[in-house]
PDB file of N, CA and C in Angstrom:
ATOM      1  N   MET A   1     358.971 150.965-157.777  1.00  0.00           N
ATOM      2  CA  MET A   1     357.848 151.470-157.064  1.00  0.00           C
ATOM      3  C   MET A   1     358.252 152.420-156.017  1.00  0.00           C
ATOM      4  N   GLU A   2     357.903 153.744-156.197  1.00  0.00           N
ATOM      5  CA  GLU A   2     358.121 154.668-155.362  1.00  0.00           C
ATOM      6  C   GLU A   2     356.909 154.966-154.422  1.00  0.00           C
ATOM      7  N   ARG A   3     357.123 155.469-153.276  1.00  0.00           N
ATOM      8  CA  ARG A   3     355.887 155.930-152.582  1.00  0.00           C
ATOM      9  C   ARG A   3     355.146 156.916-153.397  1.00  0.00           C
ATOM     10  N   LEU A   4     353.939 156.950-153.271  1.00  0.00           N
ATOM     11  CA  LEU A   4     353.043 157.771-154.060  1.00  0.00           C
ATOM     12  C   LEU A   4     352.708 159.091-153.240  1.00  0.00           C
ATOM     13  N   ILE A   5     352.785 159.009-151.947  1.00  0.00           N
ATOM     14  CA  ILE A   5     352.483 160.284-151.181  1.00  0.00           C
ATOM     15  C   ILE A   5     353.541 160.431-150.218  1.00  0.00           C
ATOM     16  N   PRO A   6     354.361 161.630-150.295  1.00  0.00           N
ATOM     17  CA  PRO A   6     355.426 161.819-149.343  1.00  0.00           C
ATOM     18  C   PRO A   6     354.523 162.122-147.847  1.00  0.00           C
ATOM     19  N   HIS A   7     355.306 161.624-146.741  1.00  0.00           N
ATOM     20  CA  HIS A   7     354.688 161.943-145.548  1.00  0.00           C
ATOM     21  C   HIS A   7     355.928 162.012-144.577  1.00  0.00           C
ATOM     22  N   ASP A   8     355.524 162.506-143.325  1.00  0.00           N
ATOM     23  CA  ASP A   8     356.486 162.706-142.290  1.00  0.00           C
ATOM     24  C   ASP A   8     356.195 161.893-140.955  1.00  0.00           C
ATOM     25  N   VAL A   9     355.494 160.906-141.225  1.00  0.00           N
ATOM     26  CA  VAL A   9     355.141 160.023-140.033  1.00  0.00           C
ATOM     27  C   VAL A   9     356.306 159.043-139.627  1.00  0.00           C
ATOM     28  N   ASP A  10     356.541 158.881-138.394  1.00  0.00           N
ATOM     29  CA  ASP A  10     357.405 157.958-137.864  1.00  0.00           C
ATOM     30  C   ASP A  10     356.876 156.520-137.925  1.00  0.00           C
ATOM     31  N   VAL A  11     357.311 155.744-138.935  1.00  0.00           N
ATOM     32  CA  VAL A  11     356.680 154.484-139.146  1.00  0.00           C
ATOM     33  C   VAL A  11     356.635 153.498-138.007  1.00  0.00           C
ATOM     34  N   ARG A  12     357.594 153.646-137.173  1.00  0.00           N
ATOM     35  CA  ARG A  12     357.914 152.921-136.084  1.00  0.00           C
ATOM     36  C   ARG A  12     356.649 153.077-134.969  1.00  0.00           C
ATOM     37  N   THR A  13     356.029 154.130-135.044  1.00  0.00           N
ATOM     38  CA  THR A  13     354.967 154.626-134.045  1.00  0.00           C
ATOM     39  C   THR A  13     353.392 153.977-134.696  1.00  0.00           C
ATOM     40  N   LEU A  14     353.515 153.349-135.945  1.00  0.00           N
ATOM     41  CA  LEU A  14     352.263 152.836-136.418  1.00  0.00           C
ATOM     42  C   LEU A  14     352.048 151.464-135.910  1.00  0.00           C
ATOM     43  N   SER A  15     350.798 151.190-135.579  1.00  0.00           N
ATOM     44  CA  SER A  15     350.360 149.924-135.103  1.00  0.00           C
ATOM     45  C   SER A  15     350.744 148.796-136.235  1.00  0.00           C
ATOM     46  N   PRO A  16     351.041 147.662-135.833  1.00  0.00           N
ATOM     47  CA  PRO A  16     351.270 146.562-136.866  1.00  0.00           C
ATOM     48  C   PRO A  16     350.109 146.364-137.710  1.00  0.00           C
ATOM     49  N   LEU A  17     348.844 146.674-137.397  1.00  0.00           N
ATOM     50  CA  LEU A  17     347.689 146.252-138.171  1.00  0.00           C
ATOM     51  C   LEU A  17     347.551 147.416-139.251  1.00  0.00           C
ATOM     52  N   THR A  18     347.925 148.681-138.865  1.00  0.00           N
ATOM     53  CA  THR A  18     348.178 149.837-139.843  1.00  0.00           C
ATOM     54  C   THR A  18     349.240 149.497-140.898  1.00  0.00           C
ATOM     55  N   LEU A  19     350.355 149.074-140.509  1.00  0.00           N
ATOM     56  CA  LEU A  19     351.333 148.684-141.453  1.00  0.00           C
ATOM     57  C   LEU A  19     350.802 147.520-142.434  1.00  0.00           C
ATOM     58  N   ALA A  20     350.107 146.541-141.848  1.00  0.00           N
ATOM     59  CA  ALA A  20     349.602 145.334-142.562  1.00  0.00           C
ATOM     60  C   ALA A  20     348.643 145.995-143.581  1.00  0.00           C
ATOM     61  N   PHE A  21     347.805 146.976-143.239  1.00  0.00           N
ATOM     62  CA  PHE A  21     346.740 147.423-144.183  1.00  0.00           C
ATOM     63  C   PHE A  21     347.555 147.983-145.326  1.00  0.00           C
ATOM     64  N   VAL A  22     348.624 148.631-145.185  1.00  0.00           N
ATOM     65  CA  VAL A  22     349.428 149.273-146.481  1.00  0.00           C
ATOM     66  C   VAL A  22     350.050 148.267-147.089  1.00  0.00           C
ATOM     67  N   GLY A  23     350.614 147.164-146.408  1.00  0.00           N
ATOM     68  CA  GLY A  23     351.367 146.163-146.913  1.00  0.00           C
ATOM     69  C   GLY A  23     350.341 145.102-147.819  1.00  0.00           C
ATOM     70  N   ASP A  24     349.109 144.993-147.190  1.00  0.00           N
ATOM     71  CA  ASP A  24     348.295 144.353-148.146  1.00  0.00           C
ATOM     72  C   ASP A  24     348.132 144.767-149.396  1.00  0.00           C
ATOM     73  N   GLY A  25     347.990 146.098-149.498  1.00  0.00           N
ATOM     74  CA  GLY A  25     347.960 146.860-150.729  1.00  0.00           C
ATOM     75  C   GLY A  25     349.081 146.694-151.688  1.00  0.00           C
ATOM     76  N   VAL A  26     350.285 146.778-151.077  1.00  0.00           N
ATOM     77  CA  VAL A  26     351.398 146.692-151.816  1.00  0.00           C
ATOM     78  C   VAL A  26     351.659 145.317-152.380  1.00  0.00           C
ATOM     79  N   TYR A  27     351.598 144.268-151.521  1.00  0.00           N
ATOM     80  CA  TYR A  27     351.607 142.912-152.056  1.00  0.00           C
ATOM     81  C   TYR A  27     350.624 142.702-153.218  1.00  0.00           C
ATOM     82  N   GLU A  28     349.343 143.014-152.977  1.00  0.00           N
ATOM     83  CA  GLU A  28     348.333 142.749-154.076  1.00  0.00           C
ATOM     84  C   GLU A  28     348.737 143.509-155.244  1.00  0.00           C
ATOM     85  N   LEU A  29     349.227 144.696-155.262  1.00  0.00           N
ATOM     86  CA  LEU A  29     349.572 145.386-156.410  1.00  0.00           C
ATOM     87  C   LEU A  29     350.802 144.747-157.018  1.00  0.00           C
ATOM     88  N   MET A  30     351.706 144.249-156.395  1.00  0.00           N
ATOM     89  CA  MET A  30     352.889 143.527-157.063  1.00  0.00           C
ATOM     90  C   MET A  30     352.340 142.275-157.766  1.00  0.00           C
ATOM     91  N   VAL A  31     351.377 141.552-157.023  1.00  0.00           N
ATOM     92  CA  VAL A  31     350.959 140.356-157.528  1.00  0.00           C
ATOM     93  C   VAL A  31     350.060 140.656-158.992  1.00  0.00           C
ATOM     94  N   ARG A  32     349.331 141.643-158.822  1.00  0.00           N
ATOM     95  CA  ARG A  32     348.668 142.121-160.070  1.00  0.00           C
ATOM     96  C   ARG A  32     349.425 142.545-161.252  1.00  0.00           C
ATOM     97  N   GLU A  33     350.281 143.263-160.945  1.00  0.00           N
ATOM     98  CA  GLU A  33     351.327 143.774-161.875  1.00  0.00           C
ATOM     99  C   GLU A  33     352.044 142.512-162.563  1.00  0.00           C
ATOM    100  N   MET A  34     352.386 141.678-161.738  1.00  0.00           N
ATOM    101  CA  MET A  34     353.209 140.469-162.188  1.00  0.00           C
ATOM    102  C   MET A  34     352.376 139.536-163.162  1.00  0.00           C
ATOM    103  N   LEU A  35     351.160 139.444-162.811  1.00  0.00           N
ATOM    104  CA  LEU A  35     350.056 138.579-163.548  1.00  0.00           C
ATOM    105  C   LEU A  35     349.773 139.444-164.838  1.00  0.00           C
ATOM    106  N   ALA A  36     349.506 140.691-164.840  1.00  0.00           N
ATOM    107  CA  ALA A  36     349.188 141.437-165.980  1.00  0.00           C
ATOM    108  C   ALA A  36     350.346 141.390-166.914  1.00  0.00           C
ATOM    109  N   CYS A  37     351.467 141.319-166.510  1.00  0.00           N
ATOM    110  CA  CYS A  37     352.681 141.465-167.313  1.00  0.00           C
ATOM    111  C   CYS A  37     352.994 140.016-167.784  1.00  0.00           C
ATOM    112  N   GLN A  38     352.669 138.906-167.307  1.00  0.00           N
ATOM    113  CA  GLN A  38     352.874 137.650-167.859  1.00  0.00           C
ATOM    114  C   GLN A  38     352.039 137.269-169.006  1.00  0.00           C
ATOM    115  N   ALA A  39     350.669 137.717-169.104  1.00  0.00           N
ATOM    116  CA  ALA A  39     349.912 137.372-170.106  1.00  0.00           C
ATOM    117  C   ALA A  39     348.722 138.106-170.186  1.00  0.00           C
ATOM    118  N   ASN A  40     348.299 138.467-171.287  1.00  0.00           N
ATOM    119  CA  ASN A  40     346.917 139.380-171.538  1.00  0.00           C
ATOM    120  C   ASN A  40     345.945 138.440-171.489  1.00  0.00           C
ATOM    121  N   ARG A  41     345.397 138.292-170.348  1.00  0.00           N
ATOM    122  CA  ARG A  41     344.278 137.245-169.964  1.00  0.00           C
ATOM    123  C   ARG A  41     342.869 138.157-169.566  1.00  0.00           C
ATOM    124  N   PRO A  42     341.715 137.445-169.593  1.00  0.00           N
ATOM    125  CA  PRO A  42     340.584 138.062-169.213  1.00  0.00           C
ATOM    126  C   PRO A  42     340.621 138.468-167.649  1.00  0.00           C
ATOM    127  N   ASN A  43     339.955 139.611-167.426  1.00  0.00           N
ATOM    128  CA  ASN A  43     339.999 140.142-166.075  1.00  0.00           C
ATOM    129  C   ASN A  43     339.593 139.077-165.089  1.00  0.00           C
ATOM    130  N   GLY A  44     338.574 138.287-165.153  1.00  0.00           N
ATOM    131  CA  GLY A  44     338.222 137.268-164.310  1.00  0.00           C
ATOM    132  C   GLY A  44     339.247 136.283-163.959  1.00  0.00           C
ATOM    133  N   GLU A  45     339.933 135.844-165.016  1.00  0.00           N
ATOM    134  CA  GLU A  45     340.964 134.980-164.948  1.00  0.00           C
ATOM    135  C   GLU A  45     342.175 135.529-164.009  1.00  0.00           C
ATOM    136  N   LEU A  46     342.491 136.717-164.371  1.00  0.00           N
ATOM    137  CA  LEU A  46     343.431 137.436-163.586  1.00  0.00           C
ATOM    138  C   LEU A  46     343.032 137.512-162.106  1.00  0.00           C
ATOM    139  N   HIS A  47     341.847 137.937-161.857  1.00  0.00           N
ATOM    140  CA  HIS A  47     341.408 138.154-160.513  1.00  0.00           C
ATOM    141  C   HIS A  47     341.435 136.844-159.852  1.00  0.00           C
ATOM    142  N   LYS A  48     340.972 135.588-160.337  1.00  0.00           N
ATOM    143  CA  LYS A  48     341.118 134.399-159.769  1.00  0.00           C
ATOM    144  C   LYS A  48     342.491 134.010-159.424  1.00  0.00           C
ATOM    145  N   LEU A  49     343.452 134.177-160.390  1.00  0.00           N
ATOM    146  CA  LEU A  49     344.802 133.915-160.092  1.00  0.00           C
ATOM    147  C   LEU A  49     345.393 134.793-158.899  1.00  0.00           C
ATOM    148  N   SER A  50     344.912 136.020-158.910  1.00  0.00           N
ATOM    149  CA  SER A  50     345.565 136.989-157.876  1.00  0.00           C
ATOM    150  C   SER A  50     345.004 136.559-156.546  1.00  0.00           C
ATOM    151  N   VAL A  51     343.735 136.239-156.557  1.00  0.00           N
ATOM    152  CA  VAL A  51     343.166 135.862-155.160  1.00  0.00           C
ATOM    153  C   VAL A  51     343.809 134.512-154.575  1.00  0.00           C
ATOM    154  N   GLY A  52     344.228 133.784-155.571  1.00  0.00           N
ATOM    155  CA  GLY A  52     345.002 132.508-154.968  1.00  0.00           C
ATOM    156  C   GLY A  52     346.204 132.917-154.438  1.00  0.00           C
ATOM    157  N   MET A  53     346.937 133.864-154.995  1.00  0.00           N
ATOM    158  CA  MET A  53     348.366 134.326-154.578  1.00  0.00           C
ATOM    159  C   MET A  53     348.295 135.170-153.356  1.00  0.00           C
ATOM    160  N   VAL A  54     347.189 135.933-153.069  1.00  0.00           N
ATOM    161  CA  VAL A  54     347.312 136.801-151.892  1.00  0.00           C
ATOM    162  C   VAL A  54     346.410 136.355-150.672  1.00  0.00           C
ATOM    163  N   ARG A  55     345.851 135.082-150.886  1.00  0.00           N
ATOM    164  CA  ARG A  55     345.011 134.518-149.807  1.00  0.00           C
ATOM    165  C   ARG A  55     346.001 134.249-148.601  1.00  0.00           C
ATOM    166  N   ALA A  56     345.489 134.033-147.437  1.00  0.00           N
ATOM    167  CA  ALA A  56     346.307 133.843-146.157  1.00  0.00           C
ATOM    168  C   ALA A  56     347.315 132.701-146.296  1.00  0.00           C
ATOM    169  N   GLU A  57     346.708 131.470-146.936  1.00  0.00           N
ATOM    170  CA  GLU A  57     347.479 130.324-146.979  1.00  0.00           C
ATOM    171  C   GLU A  57     348.679 130.609-148.030  1.00  0.00           C
ATOM    172  N   ALA A  58     348.511 131.222-149.036  1.00  0.00           N
ATOM    173  CA  ALA A  58     349.568 131.549-149.972  1.00  0.00           C
ATOM    174  C   ALA A  58     350.692 132.522-149.324  1.00  0.00           C
ATOM    175  N   GLN A  59     350.217 133.425-148.481  1.00  0.00           N
ATOM    176  CA  GLN A  59     351.050 134.293-147.935  1.00  0.00           C
ATOM    177  C   GLN A  59     351.767 133.612-146.792  1.00  0.00           C
ATOM    178  N   SER A  60     351.242 132.705-146.152  1.00  0.00           N
ATOM    179  CA  SER A  60     351.843 131.992-145.118  1.00  0.00           C
ATOM    180  C   SER A  60     352.932 131.181-145.640  1.00  0.00           C
ATOM    181  N   ALA A  61     352.705 130.512-146.788  1.00  0.00           N
ATOM    182  CA  ALA A  61     353.744 129.724-147.399  1.00  0.00           C
ATOM    183  C   ALA A  61     354.892 130.555-147.859  1.00  0.00           C
ATOM    184  N   ALA A  62     354.660 131.866-148.309  1.00  0.00           N
ATOM    185  CA  ALA A  62     355.691 132.749-148.655  1.00  0.00           C
ATOM    186  C   ALA A  62     356.542 133.151-147.510  1.00  0.00           C
ATOM    187  N   VAL A  63     355.981 133.225-146.297  1.00  0.00           N
ATOM    188  CA  VAL A  63     356.854 133.443-145.215  1.00  0.00           C
ATOM    189  C   VAL A  63     357.837 132.463-144.911  1.00  0.00           C
ATOM    190  N   ASP A  64     357.682 131.189-145.254  1.00  0.00           N
ATOM    191  CA  ASP A  64     358.507 130.056-145.210  1.00  0.00           C
ATOM    192  C   ASP A  64     359.804 130.321-146.077  1.00  0.00           C
ATOM    193  N   VAL A  65     359.553 130.971-147.092  1.00  0.00           N
ATOM    194  CA  VAL A  65     360.586 131.298-148.183  1.00  0.00           C
ATOM    195  C   VAL A  65     361.355 132.410-147.614  1.00  0.00           C
ATOM    196  N   ILE A  66     360.732 133.379-147.167  1.00  0.00           N
ATOM    197  CA  ILE A  66     361.542 134.643-146.877  1.00  0.00           C
ATOM    198  C   ILE A  66     362.221 134.794-145.464  1.00  0.00           C
ATOM    199  N   ILE A  67     361.599 134.002-144.552  1.00  0.00           N
ATOM    200  CA  ILE A  67     362.110 134.044-143.102  1.00  0.00           C
ATOM    201  C   ILE A  67     363.638 134.031-143.156  1.00  0.00           C
ATOM    202  N   PRO A  68     364.301 133.015-143.809  1.00  0.00           N
ATOM    203  CA  PRO A  68     365.834 132.938-143.845  1.00  0.00           C
ATOM    204  C   PRO A  68     366.531 134.107-144.248  1.00  0.00           C
ATOM    205  N   LEU A  69     365.749 134.916-145.136  1.00  0.00           N
ATOM    206  CA  LEU A  69     366.464 136.120-145.625  1.00  0.00           C
ATOM    207  C   LEU A  69     366.324 137.358-144.926  1.00  0.00           C
ATOM    208  N   LEU A  70     365.615 137.391-143.817  1.00  0.00           N
ATOM    209  CA  LEU A  70     365.221 138.662-143.153  1.00  0.00           C
ATOM    210  C   LEU A  70     366.339 139.055-142.097  1.00  0.00           C
ATOM    211  N   SER A  71     366.458 140.245-142.039  1.00  0.00           N
ATOM    212  CA  SER A  71     367.447 140.824-140.947  1.00  0.00           C
ATOM    213  C   SER A  71     366.699 140.866-139.690  1.00  0.00           C
ATOM    214  N   GLU A  72     367.522 141.179-138.554  1.00  0.00           N
ATOM    215  CA  GLU A  72     366.877 141.094-137.340  1.00  0.00           C
ATOM    216  C   GLU A  72     365.781 142.139-137.154  1.00  0.00           C
ATOM    217  N   GLU A  73     365.981 143.358-137.906  1.00  0.00           N
ATOM    218  CA  GLU A  73     364.931 144.455-137.761  1.00  0.00           C
ATOM    219  C   GLU A  73     363.517 143.912-138.571  1.00  0.00           C
ATOM    220  N   GLU A  74     363.861 143.273-139.628  1.00  0.00           N
ATOM    221  CA  GLU A  74     362.683 142.800-140.521  1.00  0.00           C
ATOM    222  C   GLU A  74     362.018 141.624-139.758  1.00  0.00           C
ATOM    223  N   THR A  75     362.739 140.830-139.084  1.00  0.00           N
ATOM    224  CA  THR A  75     362.074 139.714-138.329  1.00  0.00           C
ATOM    225  C   THR A  75     361.318 140.257-137.215  1.00  0.00           C
ATOM    226  N   ALA A  76     361.755 141.243-136.489  1.00  0.00           N
ATOM    227  CA  ALA A  76     361.010 141.922-135.486  1.00  0.00           C
ATOM    228  C   ALA A  76     359.752 142.563-136.000  1.00  0.00           C
ATOM    229  N   VAL A  77     359.771 143.215-137.114  1.00  0.00           N
ATOM    230  CA  VAL A  77     358.572 143.743-137.613  1.00  0.00           C
ATOM    231  C   VAL A  77     357.552 142.706-138.145  1.00  0.00           C
ATOM    232  N   PHE A  78     358.016 141.592-138.710  1.00  0.00           N
ATOM    233  CA  PHE A  78     357.303 140.583-139.008  1.00  0.00           C
ATOM    234  C   PHE A  78     356.565 139.894-137.825  1.00  0.00           C
ATOM    235  N   LYS A  79     357.368 139.680-136.822  1.00  0.00           N
ATOM    236  CA  LYS A  79     356.710 139.119-135.524  1.00  0.00           C
ATOM    237  C   LYS A  79     355.698 140.233-134.864  1.00  0.00           C
ATOM    238  N   ARG A  80     355.928 141.448-134.902  1.00  0.00           N
ATOM    239  CA  ARG A  80     354.941 142.431-134.487  1.00  0.00           C
ATOM    240  C   ARG A  80     353.668 142.232-135.149  1.00  0.00           C
ATOM    241  N   GLY A  81     353.631 142.051-136.410  1.00  0.00           N
ATOM    242  CA  GLY A  81     352.431 141.847-137.157  1.00  0.00           C
ATOM    243  C   GLY A  81     351.767 140.365-136.979  1.00  0.00           C
ATOM    244  N   ARG A  82     352.577 139.485-136.875  1.00  0.00           N
ATOM    245  CA  ARG A  82     352.164 138.048-136.616  1.00  0.00           C
ATOM    246  C   ARG A  82     351.449 137.961-135.390  1.00  0.00           C
ATOM    247  N   ASN A  83     352.003 138.653-134.375  1.00  0.00           N
ATOM    248  CA  ASN A  83     351.543 138.695-132.931  1.00  0.00           C
ATOM    249  C   ASN A  83     350.479 139.636-132.755  1.00  0.00           C
ATOM    250  N   ALA A  84     349.997 140.490-133.609  1.00  0.00           N
ATOM    251  CA  ALA A  84     349.036 141.549-133.380  1.00  0.00           C
ATOM    252  C   ALA A  84     347.748 140.707-133.186  1.00  0.00           C
ATOM    253  N   HIS A  85     346.866 141.500-132.333  1.00  0.00           N
ATOM    254  CA  HIS A  85     345.541 140.809-132.060  1.00  0.00           C
ATOM    255  C   HIS A  85     344.533 141.307-133.240  1.00  0.00           C
ATOM    256  N   THR A  86     344.193 140.268-133.872  1.00  0.00           N
ATOM    257  CA  THR A  86     343.296 140.466-135.014  1.00  0.00           C
ATOM    258  C   THR A  86     341.987 139.828-134.649  1.00  0.00           C
ATOM    259  N   GLN A  87     340.979 139.947-135.394  1.00  0.00           N
ATOM    260  CA  GLN A  87     339.567 139.290-135.324  1.00  0.00           C
ATOM    261  C   GLN A  87     339.615 137.858-135.863  1.00  0.00           C
ATOM    262  N   ARG A  88     340.546 137.481-136.625  1.00  0.00           N
ATOM    263  CA  ARG A  88     340.645 136.258-137.218  1.00  0.00           C
ATOM    264  C   ARG A  88     341.668 135.500-136.489  1.00  0.00           C
ATOM    265  N   ALA A  89     341.380 134.234-136.456  1.00  0.00           N
ATOM    266  CA  ALA A  89     342.270 133.198-135.826  1.00  0.00           C
ATOM    267  C   ALA A  89     342.899 132.304-136.964  1.00  0.00           C
ATOM    268  N   GLY A  90     343.840 131.531-136.343  1.00  0.00           N
ATOM    269  CA  GLY A  90     344.646 130.635-137.372  1.00  0.00           C
ATOM    270  C   GLY A  90     345.891 131.084-137.676  1.00  0.00           C
ATOM    271  N   SER A  91     346.911 130.128-137.675  1.00  0.00           N
ATOM    272  CA  SER A  91     348.262 130.410-137.834  1.00  0.00           C
ATOM    273  C   SER A  91     348.549 131.102-139.202  1.00  0.00           C
ATOM    274  N   ASP A  92     347.973 130.621-140.187  1.00  0.00           N
ATOM    275  CA  ASP A  92     348.122 131.037-141.569  1.00  0.00           C
ATOM    276  C   ASP A  92     347.621 132.519-141.718  1.00  0.00           C
ATOM    277  N   TYR A  93     346.651 132.881-141.068  1.00  0.00           N
ATOM    278  CA  TYR A  93     346.206 134.238-141.143  1.00  0.00           C
ATOM    279  C   TYR A  93     347.154 135.221-140.320  1.00  0.00           C
ATOM    280  N   HIS A  94     347.673 134.803-139.185  1.00  0.00           N
ATOM    281  CA  HIS A  94     348.592 135.548-138.421  1.00  0.00           C
ATOM    282  C   HIS A  94     349.869 135.678-139.112  1.00  0.00           C
ATOM    283  N   ARG A  95     350.306 134.629-139.757  1.00  0.00           N
ATOM    284  CA  ARG A  95     351.568 134.657-140.487  1.00  0.00           C
ATOM    285  C   ARG A  95     351.438 135.679-141.656  1.00  0.00           C
ATOM    286  N   ALA A  96     350.275 135.555-142.419  1.00  0.00           N
ATOM    287  CA  ALA A  96     349.932 136.510-143.556  1.00  0.00           C
ATOM    288  C   ALA A  96     350.026 137.946-143.059  1.00  0.00           C
ATOM    289  N   THR A  97     349.436 138.087-141.819  1.00  0.00           N
ATOM    290  CA  THR A  97     349.490 139.504-141.370  1.00  0.00           C
ATOM    291  C   THR A  97     350.941 139.944-140.914  1.00  0.00           C
ATOM    292  N   GLY A  98     351.681 139.163-140.514  1.00  0.00           N
ATOM    293  CA  GLY A  98     353.075 139.436-140.356  1.00  0.00           C
ATOM    294  C   GLY A  98     353.831 139.832-141.679  1.00  0.00           C
ATOM    295  N   LEU A  99     353.594 139.105-142.771  1.00  0.00           N
ATOM    296  CA  LEU A  99     354.104 139.413-144.032  1.00  0.00           C
ATOM    297  C   LEU A  99     353.597 140.734-144.506  1.00  0.00           C
ATOM    298  N   GLU A 100     352.367 141.094-144.386  1.00  0.00           N
ATOM    299  CA  GLU A 100     351.735 142.298-144.817  1.00  0.00           C
ATOM    300  C   GLU A 100     352.277 143.462-144.091  1.00  0.00           C
ATOM    301  N   THR A 101     352.415 143.193-142.617  1.00  0.00           N
ATOM    302  CA  THR A 101     353.198 144.263-141.837  1.00  0.00           C
ATOM    303  C   THR A 101     354.453 144.576-142.234  1.00  0.00           C
ATOM    304  N   LEU A 102     355.346 143.457-142.633  1.00  0.00           N
ATOM    305  CA  LEU A 102     356.614 143.850-143.156  1.00  0.00           C
ATOM    306  C   LEU A 102     356.645 144.518-144.325  1.00  0.00           C
ATOM    307  N   PHE A 103     355.830 144.128-145.403  1.00  0.00           N
ATOM    308  CA  PHE A 103     355.735 144.878-146.626  1.00  0.00           C
ATOM    309  C   PHE A 103     355.291 146.301-146.421  1.00  0.00           C
ATOM    310  N   GLY A 104     354.382 146.575-145.479  1.00  0.00           N
ATOM    311  CA  GLY A 104     353.843 147.911-145.344  1.00  0.00           C
ATOM    312  C   GLY A 104     355.031 148.787-144.713  1.00  0.00           C
ATOM    313  N   TYR A 105     355.706 148.026-143.702  1.00  0.00           N
ATOM    314  CA  TYR A 105     356.875 148.823-143.140  1.00  0.00           C
ATOM    315  C   TYR A 105     357.982 149.091-144.159  1.00  0.00           C
ATOM    316  N   LEU A 106     358.354 148.159-144.849  1.00  0.00           N
ATOM    317  CA  LEU A 106     359.280 148.431-145.920  1.00  0.00           C
ATOM    318  C   LEU A 106     358.884 149.464-146.963  1.00  0.00           C
ATOM    319  N   TYR A 107     357.670 149.488-147.399  1.00  0.00           N
ATOM    320  CA  TYR A 107     357.234 150.505-148.223  1.00  0.00           C
ATOM    321  C   TYR A 107     357.136 151.889-147.746  1.00  0.00           C
ATOM    322  N   LEU A 108     356.648 151.945-146.453  1.00  0.00           N
ATOM    323  CA  LEU A 108     356.613 153.278-145.896  1.00  0.00           C
ATOM    324  C   LEU A 108     358.035 153.897-145.392  1.00  0.00           C
ATOM    325  N   THR A 109     358.881 153.018-145.259  1.00  0.00           N
ATOM    326  CA  THR A 109     360.322 153.508-144.982  1.00  0.00           C
ATOM    327  C   THR A 109     361.092 153.493-146.275  1.00  0.00           C
ATOM    328  N   GLY A 110     360.604 153.281-147.446  1.00  0.00           N
ATOM    329  CA  GLY A 110     361.222 153.657-148.629  1.00  0.00           C
ATOM    330  C   GLY A 110     362.165 152.601-149.136  1.00  0.00           C
ATOM    331  N   ASN A 111     362.013 151.382-148.557  1.00  0.00           N
ATOM    332  CA  ASN A 111     362.985 150.228-148.851  1.00  0.00           C
ATOM    333  C   ASN A 111     362.224 149.349-150.015  1.00  0.00           C
ATOM    334  N   ILE A 112     362.115 150.087-151.126  1.00  0.00           N
ATOM    335  CA  ILE A 112     361.267 149.311-152.332  1.00  0.00           C
ATOM    336  C   ILE A 112     362.135 148.251-152.879  1.00  0.00           C
ATOM    337  N   GLU A 113     363.469 148.427-152.907  1.00  0.00           N
ATOM    338  CA  GLU A 113     364.299 147.455-153.577  1.00  0.00           C
ATOM    339  C   GLU A 113     364.213 146.170-152.746  1.00  0.00           C
ATOM    340  N   ARG A 114     364.119 146.371-151.331  1.00  0.00           N
ATOM    341  CA  ARG A 114     364.107 145.181-150.433  1.00  0.00           C
ATOM    342  C   ARG A 114     362.753 144.481-150.539  1.00  0.00           C
ATOM    343  N   ILE A 115     361.726 145.243-150.950  1.00  0.00           N
ATOM    344  CA  ILE A 115     360.352 144.583-151.215  1.00  0.00           C
ATOM    345  C   ILE A 115     360.411 143.677-152.508  1.00  0.00           C
ATOM    346  N   ARG A 116     361.058 144.359-153.480  1.00  0.00           N
ATOM    347  CA  ARG A 116     361.389 143.390-154.773  1.00  0.00           C
ATOM    348  C   ARG A 116     362.077 142.125-154.515  1.00  0.00           C
ATOM    349  N   VAL A 117     363.144 142.257-153.647  1.00  0.00           N
ATOM    350  CA  VAL A 117     364.020 141.017-153.427  1.00  0.00           C
ATOM    351  C   VAL A 117     363.083 139.958-152.711  1.00  0.00           C
ATOM    352  N   LEU A 118     362.408 140.340-151.752  1.00  0.00           N
ATOM    353  CA  LEU A 118     361.610 139.396-150.909  1.00  0.00           C
ATOM    354  C   LEU A 118     360.493 138.811-151.961  1.00  0.00           C
ATOM    355  N   PHE A 119     359.864 139.684-152.641  1.00  0.00           N
ATOM    356  CA  PHE A 119     358.798 139.230-153.414  1.00  0.00           C
ATOM    357  C   PHE A 119     359.305 138.279-154.520  1.00  0.00           C
ATOM    358  N   ASN A 120     360.457 138.617-155.224  1.00  0.00           N
ATOM    359  CA  ASN A 120     360.938 137.759-156.120  1.00  0.00           C
ATOM    360  C   ASN A 120     361.456 136.455-155.632  1.00  0.00           C
ATOM    361  N   ALA A 121     361.767 136.468-154.345  1.00  0.00           N
ATOM    362  CA  ALA A 121     362.411 135.118-153.804  1.00  0.00           C
ATOM    363  C   ALA A 121     361.142 134.208-153.600  1.00  0.00           C
ATOM    364  N   VAL A 122     359.976 134.779-153.296  1.00  0.00           N
ATOM    365  CA  VAL A 122     358.728 133.989-153.340  1.00  0.00           C
ATOM    366  C   VAL A 122     358.308 133.538-154.717  1.00  0.00           C
ATOM    367  N   HIS A 123     358.219 134.454-155.710  1.00  0.00           N
ATOM    368  CA  HIS A 123     357.731 134.263-157.018  1.00  0.00           C
ATOM    369  C   HIS A 123     358.576 133.961-158.005  1.00  0.00           C
ATOM    370  N   GLY A 124     359.927 133.666-157.706  1.00  0.00           N
ATOM    371  CA  GLY A 124     360.899 133.240-158.702  1.00  0.00           C
ATOM    372  C   GLY A 124     361.266 134.040-159.746  1.00  0.00           C
ATOM    373  N   ASN A 125     361.107 133.456-161.001  1.00  0.00           N
ATOM    374  CA  ASN A 125     361.612 134.360-162.046  1.00  0.00           C
ATOM    375  C   ASN A 125     360.394 135.386-162.649  1.00  0.00           C
ATOM    376  N   ASN A 126     359.489 135.430-162.000  1.00  0.00           N
ATOM    377  CA  ASN A 126     358.399 136.347-162.447  1.00  0.00           C
ATOM    378  C   ASN A 126     358.673 137.710-161.720  1.00  0.00           C
ATOM    379  N   THR A 127     359.778 138.424-162.246  1.00  0.00           N
ATOM    380  CA  THR A 127     360.259 139.679-161.724  1.00  0.00           C
ATOM    381  C   THR A 127     359.243 140.810-162.278  1.00  0.00           C
ATOM    382  N   ILE A 128     359.219 141.840-161.381  1.00  0.00           N
ATOM    383  CA  ILE A 128     358.424 142.981-161.832  1.00  0.00           C
ATOM    384  C   ILE A 128     359.385 144.181-161.654  1.00  0.00           C
TER     385      ILE A 128
END
């Protein structure tokens, strides 16, 4: 997965919620691709499976898996997202926002292989 649109923005200047906005799309695309490649199922079934994997509770559980794997920089990015002021409450939602912030940051900085490593740590042998 390469970035689709080249840009000259300093990613460190983007708000954590902007990074989470991008990371949400990256994570969801990876889940959808993984599911589509696993089996040729009806769209409704694929949608239901993907929603279960990208909801806040599932992403919060994913954080438990990847936290020990993160570098200092990645941990700091995750924490920026987790601690961002959002309109939703709840620790699962905040942790999910941290995960999305990290994925957005890694994507926009071109660290695509690192995204794969973290995603595969969560989703096991379901490599994409």
